[in-house]
């Protein structure tokens, strides 16, 4: 897994990214296990091989086109 930095901040497992705008962020092979992605905007983000096991999202989380969060191990809450 790789370290992801956004505007100088490191994104690590269990990160609270609730409401974050991650549009177009390169998260290829990132370790986002158990991260809080509720209301996050991930449009155009590269989530190829990212570890999203146990990450939490909600119906307001915006995913890249064609991305299946459940298949990636994300827990989507109502």
N, C-alpha and C. Protein backbone atom coordinates (compact mmCIF):
# COMPACT_ATOMS: atom_id res chain seq x y z
N UNK A 1 0.84 -1.18 0.00
CA UNK A 1 0.00 0.00 0.00
C UNK A 1 0.89 1.24 0.00
N UNK A 2 0.34 2.31 -0.49
CA UNK A 2 1.10 3.55 -0.59
C UNK A 2 0.54 4.62 0.33
N UNK A 3 1.36 5.60 0.63
CA UNK A 3 0.93 6.75 1.43
C UNK A 3 0.32 7.77 0.48
N UNK A 4 -0.84 8.28 0.82
CA UNK A 4 -1.51 9.29 0.00
C UNK A 4 -1.42 10.62 0.73
N UNK A 5 -1.00 11.65 0.01
CA UNK A 5 -0.95 12.99 0.60
C UNK A 5 -1.85 13.90 -0.22
N UNK A 6 -2.67 14.67 0.48
CA UNK A 6 -3.55 15.64 -0.15
C UNK A 6 -3.30 16.98 0.50
N UNK A 7 -2.82 17.94 -0.27
CA UNK A 7 -2.52 19.28 0.24
C UNK A 7 -1.65 19.22 1.49
N UNK A 8 -0.65 18.32 1.46
CA UNK A 8 0.29 18.22 2.56
C UNK A 8 -0.16 17.35 3.71
N UNK A 9 -1.37 16.81 3.66
CA UNK A 9 -1.88 15.97 4.74
C UNK A 9 -1.83 14.50 4.31
N UNK A 10 -1.35 13.66 5.20
CA UNK A 10 -1.29 12.22 4.93
C UNK A 10 -2.63 11.58 5.24
N UNK A 11 -3.10 10.77 4.31
CA UNK A 11 -4.34 10.01 4.54
C UNK A 11 -3.92 8.60 4.93
N UNK A 12 -4.36 8.16 6.08
CA UNK A 12 -3.97 6.87 6.62
C UNK A 12 -5.21 6.04 6.94
N UNK A 13 -5.00 4.73 7.26
CA UNK A 13 -6.14 3.91 7.68
C UNK A 13 -6.89 4.58 8.82
N UNK A 14 -8.19 4.40 8.86
CA UNK A 14 -9.09 4.96 9.87
C UNK A 14 -9.21 6.47 9.81
N UNK A 15 -8.77 7.08 8.71
CA UNK A 15 -8.86 8.53 8.57
C UNK A 15 -10.32 8.98 8.55
N UNK A 16 -10.57 10.14 9.13
CA UNK A 16 -11.92 10.72 9.08
C UNK A 16 -11.97 11.66 7.87
N UNK A 17 -12.52 11.16 6.78
CA UNK A 17 -12.63 11.93 5.54
C UNK A 17 -14.08 12.32 5.28
N UNK A 18 -14.87 12.35 6.32
CA UNK A 18 -16.28 12.70 6.21
C UNK A 18 -16.42 14.10 5.59
N UNK A 19 -17.14 14.16 4.48
CA UNK A 19 -17.39 15.43 3.81
C UNK A 19 -16.22 15.95 2.98
N UNK A 20 -15.13 15.20 2.89
CA UNK A 20 -13.95 15.66 2.15
C UNK A 20 -14.21 15.64 0.65
N UNK A 21 -13.64 16.62 -0.04
CA UNK A 21 -13.72 16.66 -1.50
C UNK A 21 -12.41 16.09 -2.03
N UNK A 22 -12.47 14.84 -2.49
CA UNK A 22 -11.30 14.15 -3.01
C UNK A 22 -11.41 13.96 -4.52
N UNK A 23 -12.06 14.89 -5.18
CA UNK A 23 -12.24 14.83 -6.62
C UNK A 23 -10.89 14.73 -7.31
N UNK A 24 -10.73 13.68 -8.11
CA UNK A 24 -9.53 13.50 -8.91
C UNK A 24 -8.28 13.11 -8.15
N UNK A 25 -8.38 12.79 -6.87
CA UNK A 25 -7.20 12.44 -6.07
C UNK A 25 -6.68 11.06 -6.47
N UNK A 26 -5.38 10.92 -6.53
CA UNK A 26 -4.72 9.67 -6.89
C UNK A 26 -4.59 8.82 -5.63
N UNK A 27 -5.50 7.84 -5.48
CA UNK A 27 -5.49 6.95 -4.31
C UNK A 27 -5.15 5.52 -4.73
N UNK A 28 -4.47 5.38 -5.86
CA UNK A 28 -4.07 4.07 -6.36
C UNK A 28 -3.27 3.32 -5.30
N UNK A 29 -3.75 2.13 -4.91
CA UNK A 29 -3.12 1.27 -3.91
C UNK A 29 -3.08 1.89 -2.52
N UNK A 30 -3.90 2.89 -2.25
CA UNK A 30 -3.92 3.53 -0.93
C UNK A 30 -4.54 2.61 0.12
N UNK A 31 -4.08 2.74 1.35
CA UNK A 31 -4.64 2.00 2.46
C UNK A 31 -5.67 2.88 3.16
N UNK A 32 -6.94 2.67 2.82
CA UNK A 32 -8.04 3.44 3.41
C UNK A 32 -8.93 2.54 4.26
N UNK A 33 -8.34 1.50 4.82
CA UNK A 33 -9.11 0.57 5.67
C UNK A 33 -9.79 1.34 6.80
N UNK A 34 -11.07 1.07 6.98
CA UNK A 34 -11.87 1.62 8.07
C UNK A 34 -11.94 3.15 8.07
N UNK A 35 -11.66 3.79 6.94
CA UNK A 35 -11.78 5.25 6.85
C UNK A 35 -13.25 5.64 6.85
N UNK A 36 -13.55 6.83 7.35
CA UNK A 36 -14.90 7.36 7.31
C UNK A 36 -15.03 8.19 6.03
N UNK A 37 -15.80 7.69 5.08
CA UNK A 37 -16.00 8.35 3.79
C UNK A 37 -17.42 8.89 3.65
N UNK A 38 -18.13 9.03 4.74
CA UNK A 38 -19.50 9.56 4.70
C UNK A 38 -19.49 10.95 4.08
N UNK A 39 -20.36 11.17 3.12
CA UNK A 39 -20.54 12.45 2.43
C UNK A 39 -19.30 12.90 1.66
N UNK A 40 -18.29 12.02 1.51
CA UNK A 40 -17.10 12.38 0.75
C UNK A 40 -17.42 12.40 -0.75
N UNK A 41 -16.70 13.24 -1.48
CA UNK A 41 -16.86 13.32 -2.93
C UNK A 41 -15.59 12.75 -3.56
N UNK A 42 -15.74 11.63 -4.24
CA UNK A 42 -14.60 10.93 -4.83
C UNK A 42 -14.69 10.88 -6.35
N UNK A 43 -15.42 11.79 -6.94
CA UNK A 43 -15.59 11.82 -8.39
C UNK A 43 -14.22 11.89 -9.06
N UNK A 44 -13.96 10.96 -9.97
CA UNK A 44 -12.71 10.96 -10.71
C UNK A 44 -11.49 10.51 -9.92
N UNK A 45 -11.66 10.12 -8.66
CA UNK A 45 -10.53 9.63 -7.88
C UNK A 45 -10.08 8.28 -8.42
N UNK A 46 -8.78 8.03 -8.39
CA UNK A 46 -8.25 6.73 -8.81
C UNK A 46 -8.18 5.83 -7.59
N UNK A 47 -9.13 4.90 -7.49
CA UNK A 47 -9.18 3.97 -6.36
C UNK A 47 -8.71 2.58 -6.75
N UNK A 48 -7.99 2.48 -7.87
CA UNK A 48 -7.48 1.20 -8.34
C UNK A 48 -6.61 0.55 -7.28
N UNK A 49 -6.97 -0.66 -6.89
CA UNK A 49 -6.24 -1.46 -5.90
C UNK A 49 -6.19 -0.81 -4.51
N UNK A 50 -7.01 0.19 -4.25
CA UNK A 50 -7.07 0.78 -2.91
C UNK A 50 -7.71 -0.22 -1.95
N UNK A 51 -7.23 -0.26 -0.73
CA UNK A 51 -7.80 -1.14 0.29
C UNK A 51 -8.84 -0.35 1.07
N UNK A 52 -10.11 -0.63 0.78
CA UNK A 52 -11.22 0.06 1.43
C UNK A 52 -11.97 -0.86 2.39
N UNK A 53 -11.32 -1.94 2.80
CA UNK A 53 -11.95 -2.91 3.69
C UNK A 53 -12.44 -2.23 4.96
N UNK A 54 -13.72 -2.35 5.24
CA UNK A 54 -14.30 -1.80 6.45
C UNK A 54 -14.49 -0.30 6.46
N UNK A 55 -14.16 0.37 5.35
CA UNK A 55 -14.41 1.82 5.27
C UNK A 55 -15.91 2.06 5.38
N UNK A 56 -16.29 3.19 5.92
CA UNK A 56 -17.70 3.52 6.10
C UNK A 56 -18.10 4.63 5.14
N UNK A 57 -19.26 4.45 4.54
CA UNK A 57 -19.80 5.47 3.62
C UNK A 57 -21.29 5.55 3.85
N UNK A 58 -21.92 6.54 3.25
CA UNK A 58 -23.38 6.64 3.33
C UNK A 58 -23.94 6.93 1.95
N UNK A 59 -25.24 7.12 1.89
CA UNK A 59 -25.89 7.34 0.60
C UNK A 59 -25.48 8.67 -0.03
N UNK A 60 -24.85 9.55 0.72
CA UNK A 60 -24.40 10.84 0.19
C UNK A 60 -22.96 10.80 -0.32
N UNK A 61 -22.27 9.68 -0.13
CA UNK A 61 -20.91 9.55 -0.65
C UNK A 61 -21.00 9.45 -2.17
N UNK A 62 -20.16 10.23 -2.87
CA UNK A 62 -20.17 10.24 -4.33
C UNK A 62 -18.92 9.49 -4.81
N UNK A 63 -19.15 8.40 -5.55
CA UNK A 63 -18.08 7.53 -6.01
C UNK A 63 -17.71 7.81 -7.46
N UNK A 64 -16.51 7.40 -7.87
CA UNK A 64 -16.15 7.51 -9.28
C UNK A 64 -17.11 6.68 -10.12
N UNK A 65 -17.36 7.12 -11.33
CA UNK A 65 -18.28 6.41 -12.22
C UNK A 65 -17.84 4.96 -12.39
N UNK A 66 -18.79 4.05 -12.20
CA UNK A 66 -18.54 2.62 -12.38
C UNK A 66 -17.91 1.93 -11.18
N UNK A 67 -17.61 2.66 -10.12
CA UNK A 67 -16.98 2.05 -8.94
C UNK A 67 -18.03 1.39 -8.07
N UNK A 68 -17.75 0.17 -7.62
CA UNK A 68 -18.67 -0.59 -6.76
C UNK A 68 -18.10 -0.63 -5.34
N UNK A 69 -18.55 0.26 -4.46
CA UNK A 69 -17.99 0.31 -3.11
C UNK A 69 -18.20 -0.97 -2.30
N UNK A 70 -19.35 -1.61 -2.46
CA UNK A 70 -19.62 -2.84 -1.69
C UNK A 70 -18.64 -3.94 -2.10
N UNK A 71 -18.38 -4.07 -3.39
CA UNK A 71 -17.41 -5.07 -3.86
C UNK A 71 -16.01 -4.76 -3.35
N UNK A 72 -15.74 -3.49 -3.07
CA UNK A 72 -14.43 -3.07 -2.56
C UNK A 72 -14.32 -3.22 -1.04
N UNK A 73 -15.39 -3.67 -0.40
CA UNK A 73 -15.37 -3.90 1.05
C UNK A 73 -15.86 -2.75 1.90
N UNK A 74 -16.48 -1.74 1.25
CA UNK A 74 -17.00 -0.58 1.98
C UNK A 74 -18.32 -0.95 2.64
N UNK A 75 -18.54 -0.46 3.83
CA UNK A 75 -19.82 -0.63 4.54
C UNK A 75 -20.64 0.62 4.26
N UNK A 76 -21.70 0.47 3.50
CA UNK A 76 -22.56 1.62 3.14
C UNK A 76 -23.77 1.61 4.05
N UNK A 77 -23.89 2.68 4.84
CA UNK A 77 -25.01 2.80 5.78
C UNK A 77 -26.08 3.72 5.20
N UNK A 78 -27.31 3.46 5.59
CA UNK A 78 -28.44 4.27 5.12
C UNK A 78 -28.50 5.60 5.85
